[in-house]
Amino acid sequence: MLEYDEKRDYIRMDVDCEITYKLADSDTVYTGNCTSLSGAGVSFISESSYDIGLAMEIKVLPKNSVTPPMTAFIEVVRCIPQENGSFEIAASIKSLK
C-alpha cells in the first residue's frame, strides 16, 4: 500500500480559472490564469514578472456560478519565467477580503 505524508498545512488544488490582480498601491487591474490554490497560497500565470515580497490584491473568478469569487491580499514568494515568455507567480495568502 502506498502512503503519502502531506507536509503542507493545506492541500493544494489544481485549478484553471481567471484571476484579476492589482499591486497594493495601484488601481490598474491585470488578468491572469490561476493554476493552483490552497488555504495558504495561490499560483497564477502572468504576462509580467514581479519581485519577491510584492503585495497584491487578487480576485479568483471560478468558471461556474456555484463557487463564489475569492478576494485576497497576497505576497509574492516566487516568480518563475516560463518558456512562452509568461511568468508563474507563487504567493502566500495574507488575508481574505
C-alpha atoms as a PDB file:
ATOM      1  CA  MET A   1       0.000   0.000   0.000  1.00  0.00           C
ATOM      2  CA  LEU A   2       1.312   3.433  -0.914  1.00  0.00           C
ATOM      3  CA  GLU A   3       1.403   6.005   1.815  1.00  0.00           C
ATOM      4  CA  TYR A   4       1.542   9.737   1.290  1.00  0.00           C
ATOM      5  CA  ASP A   5       2.566  12.097   4.063  1.00  0.00           C
ATOM      6  CA  GLU A   6       1.274  15.585   3.230  1.00  0.00           C
ATOM      7  CA  LYS A   7       3.783  18.097   4.555  1.00  0.00           C
ATOM      8  CA  ARG A   8       1.686  21.162   3.760  1.00  0.00           C
ATOM      9  CA  ASP A   9      -0.728  22.723   6.236  1.00  0.00           C
ATOM     10  CA  TYR A  10      -3.337  22.927   3.450  1.00  0.00           C
ATOM     11  CA  ILE A  11      -3.995  20.666   0.463  1.00  0.00           C
ATOM     12  CA  ARG A  12      -3.169  22.309  -2.871  1.00  0.00           C
ATOM     13  CA  MET A  13      -5.861  22.113  -5.559  1.00  0.00           C
ATOM     14  CA  ASP A  14      -5.073  22.412  -9.242  1.00  0.00           C
ATOM     15  CA  VAL A  15      -7.440  24.929 -10.804  1.00  0.00           C
ATOM     16  CA  ASP A  16      -7.893  26.567 -14.186  1.00  0.00           C
ATOM     17  CA  CYS A  17      -9.752  29.845 -13.922  1.00  0.00           C
ATOM     18  CA  GLU A  18      -9.340  33.550 -14.476  1.00  0.00           C
ATOM     19  CA  ILE A  19      -7.696  35.735 -11.873  1.00  0.00           C
ATOM     20  CA  THR A  20      -7.530  39.502 -11.703  1.00  0.00           C
ATOM     21  CA  TYR A  21      -4.884  41.246  -9.665  1.00  0.00           C
ATOM     22  CA  LYS A  22      -3.517  44.662  -8.857  1.00  0.00           C
ATOM     23  CA  LEU A  23      -0.497  45.910  -6.997  1.00  0.00           C
ATOM     24  CA  ALA A  24      -1.220  47.130  -3.475  1.00  0.00           C
ATOM     25  CA  ASP A  25      -0.507  50.776  -4.355  1.00  0.00           C
ATOM     26  CA  SER A  26      -2.244  50.827  -7.766  1.00  0.00           C
ATOM     27  CA  ASP A  27      -5.721  50.846  -9.282  1.00  0.00           C
ATOM     28  CA  THR A  28      -4.568  49.179 -12.525  1.00  0.00           C
ATOM     29  CA  VAL A  29      -6.128  45.708 -12.837  1.00  0.00           C
ATOM     30  CA  TYR A  30      -4.356  42.880 -14.690  1.00  0.00           C
ATOM     31  CA  THR A  31      -5.700  39.496 -15.762  1.00  0.00           C
ATOM     32  CA  GLY A  32      -4.012  36.101 -15.463  1.00  0.00           C
ATOM     33  CA  ASN A  33      -4.800  32.406 -15.151  1.00  0.00           C
ATOM     34  CA  CYS A  34      -4.954  30.775 -11.715  1.00  0.00           C
ATOM     35  CA  THR A  35      -3.228  27.363 -11.728  1.00  0.00           C
ATOM     36  CA  SER A  36      -3.362  26.247  -8.083  1.00  0.00           C
ATOM     37  CA  LEU A  37      -4.962  27.309  -4.840  1.00  0.00           C
ATOM     38  CA  SER A  38      -4.731  26.279  -1.202  1.00  0.00           C
ATOM     39  CA  GLY A  39      -5.719  27.721   2.148  1.00  0.00           C
ATOM     40  CA  ALA A  40      -2.306  29.358   2.426  1.00  0.00           C
ATOM     41  CA  GLY A  41      -1.270  30.193  -1.119  1.00  0.00           C
ATOM     42  CA  VAL A  42      -2.015  30.665  -4.782  1.00  0.00           C
ATOM     43  CA  SER A  43      -0.145  30.410  -8.069  1.00  0.00           C
ATOM     44  CA  PHE A  44      -1.058  32.019 -11.348  1.00  0.00           C
ATOM     45  CA  ILE A  45       0.319  32.813 -14.779  1.00  0.00           C
ATOM     46  CA  SER A  46       1.107  36.452 -15.516  1.00  0.00           C
ATOM     47  CA  GLU A  47       2.454  38.311 -18.528  1.00  0.00           C
ATOM     48  CA  SER A  48       4.741  40.311 -16.206  1.00  0.00           C
ATOM     49  CA  SER A  49       7.464  39.497 -13.701  1.00  0.00           C
ATOM     50  CA  TYR A  50       7.067  40.617 -10.079  1.00  0.00           C
ATOM     51  CA  ASP A  51       9.582  40.918  -7.244  1.00  0.00           C
ATOM     52  CA  ILE A  52       9.514  38.662  -4.196  1.00  0.00           C
ATOM     53  CA  GLY A  53       7.816  40.426  -1.301  1.00  0.00           C
ATOM     54  CA  LEU A  54       5.493  42.493  -3.508  1.00  0.00           C
ATOM     55  CA  ALA A  55       1.970  42.895  -2.085  1.00  0.00           C
ATOM     56  CA  MET A  56      -1.068  42.428  -4.344  1.00  0.00           C
ATOM     57  CA  GLU A  57      -4.822  42.126  -4.159  1.00  0.00           C
ATOM     58  CA  ILE A  58      -6.281  39.249  -6.181  1.00  0.00           C
ATOM     59  CA  LYS A  59      -9.732  38.064  -7.170  1.00  0.00           C
ATOM     60  CA  VAL A  60     -10.096  34.432  -8.224  1.00  0.00           C
ATOM     61  CA  LEU A  61     -13.024  34.059 -10.635  1.00  0.00           C
ATOM     62  CA  PRO A  62     -14.290  30.447 -10.815  1.00  0.00           C
ATOM     63  CA  LYS A  63     -15.756  29.212 -14.108  1.00  0.00           C
ATOM     64  CA  ASN A  64     -19.051  28.135 -12.534  1.00  0.00           C
ATOM     65  CA  SER A  65     -21.553  30.203 -10.588  1.00  0.00           C
ATOM     66  CA  VAL A  66     -21.787  27.630  -7.760  1.00  0.00           C
ATOM     67  CA  THR A  67     -18.414  28.740  -6.357  1.00  0.00           C
ATOM     68  CA  PRO A  68     -18.232  32.434  -5.368  1.00  0.00           C
ATOM     69  CA  PRO A  69     -15.238  34.612  -6.312  1.00  0.00           C
ATOM     70  CA  MET A  70     -12.497  34.922  -3.706  1.00  0.00           C
ATOM     71  CA  THR A  71     -10.719  38.203  -2.987  1.00  0.00           C
ATOM     72  CA  ALA A  72      -7.460  38.087  -1.026  1.00  0.00           C
ATOM     73  CA  PHE A  73      -4.327  40.029  -0.203  1.00  0.00           C
ATOM     74  CA  ILE A  74      -1.150  38.160  -1.161  1.00  0.00           C
ATOM     75  CA  GLU A  75       2.633  38.439  -1.030  1.00  0.00           C
ATOM     76  CA  VAL A  76       4.764  37.160  -3.928  1.00  0.00           C
ATOM     77  CA  VAL A  77       7.141  34.376  -2.837  1.00  0.00           C
ATOM     78  CA  ARG A  78       8.349  33.126  -6.244  1.00  0.00           C
ATOM     79  CA  CYS A  79       8.393  34.294  -9.872  1.00  0.00           C
ATOM     80  CA  ILE A  80       9.413  31.656 -12.428  1.00  0.00           C
ATOM     81  CA  PRO A  81       9.903  32.521 -16.130  1.00  0.00           C
ATOM     82  CA  GLN A  82       8.019  30.194 -18.498  1.00  0.00           C
ATOM     83  CA  GLU A  83       9.161  29.083 -21.962  1.00  0.00           C
ATOM     84  CA  ASN A  84       6.404  31.083 -23.659  1.00  0.00           C
ATOM     85  CA  GLY A  85       7.547  34.386 -22.104  1.00  0.00           C
ATOM     86  CA  SER A  86       4.977  34.468 -19.311  1.00  0.00           C
ATOM     87  CA  PHE A  87       5.709  34.063 -15.585  1.00  0.00           C
ATOM     88  CA  GLU A  88       4.398  31.702 -12.924  1.00  0.00           C
ATOM     89  CA  ILE A  89       3.739  33.760  -9.793  1.00  0.00           C
ATOM     90  CA  ALA A  90       3.519  31.907  -6.468  1.00  0.00           C
ATOM     91  CA  ALA A  91       2.244  33.832  -3.472  1.00  0.00           C
ATOM     92  CA  SER A  92       1.210  33.358   0.118  1.00  0.00           C
ATOM     93  CA  ILE A  93      -2.269  34.467   1.120  1.00  0.00           C
ATOM     94  CA  LYS A  94      -2.017  37.049   3.886  1.00  0.00           C
ATOM     95  CA  SER A  95      -5.740  37.718   4.386  1.00  0.00           C
ATOM     96  CA  LEU A  96      -9.129  37.344   2.749  1.00  0.00           C
ATOM     97  CA  LYS A  97     -11.300  40.308   1.952  1.00  0.00           C
END
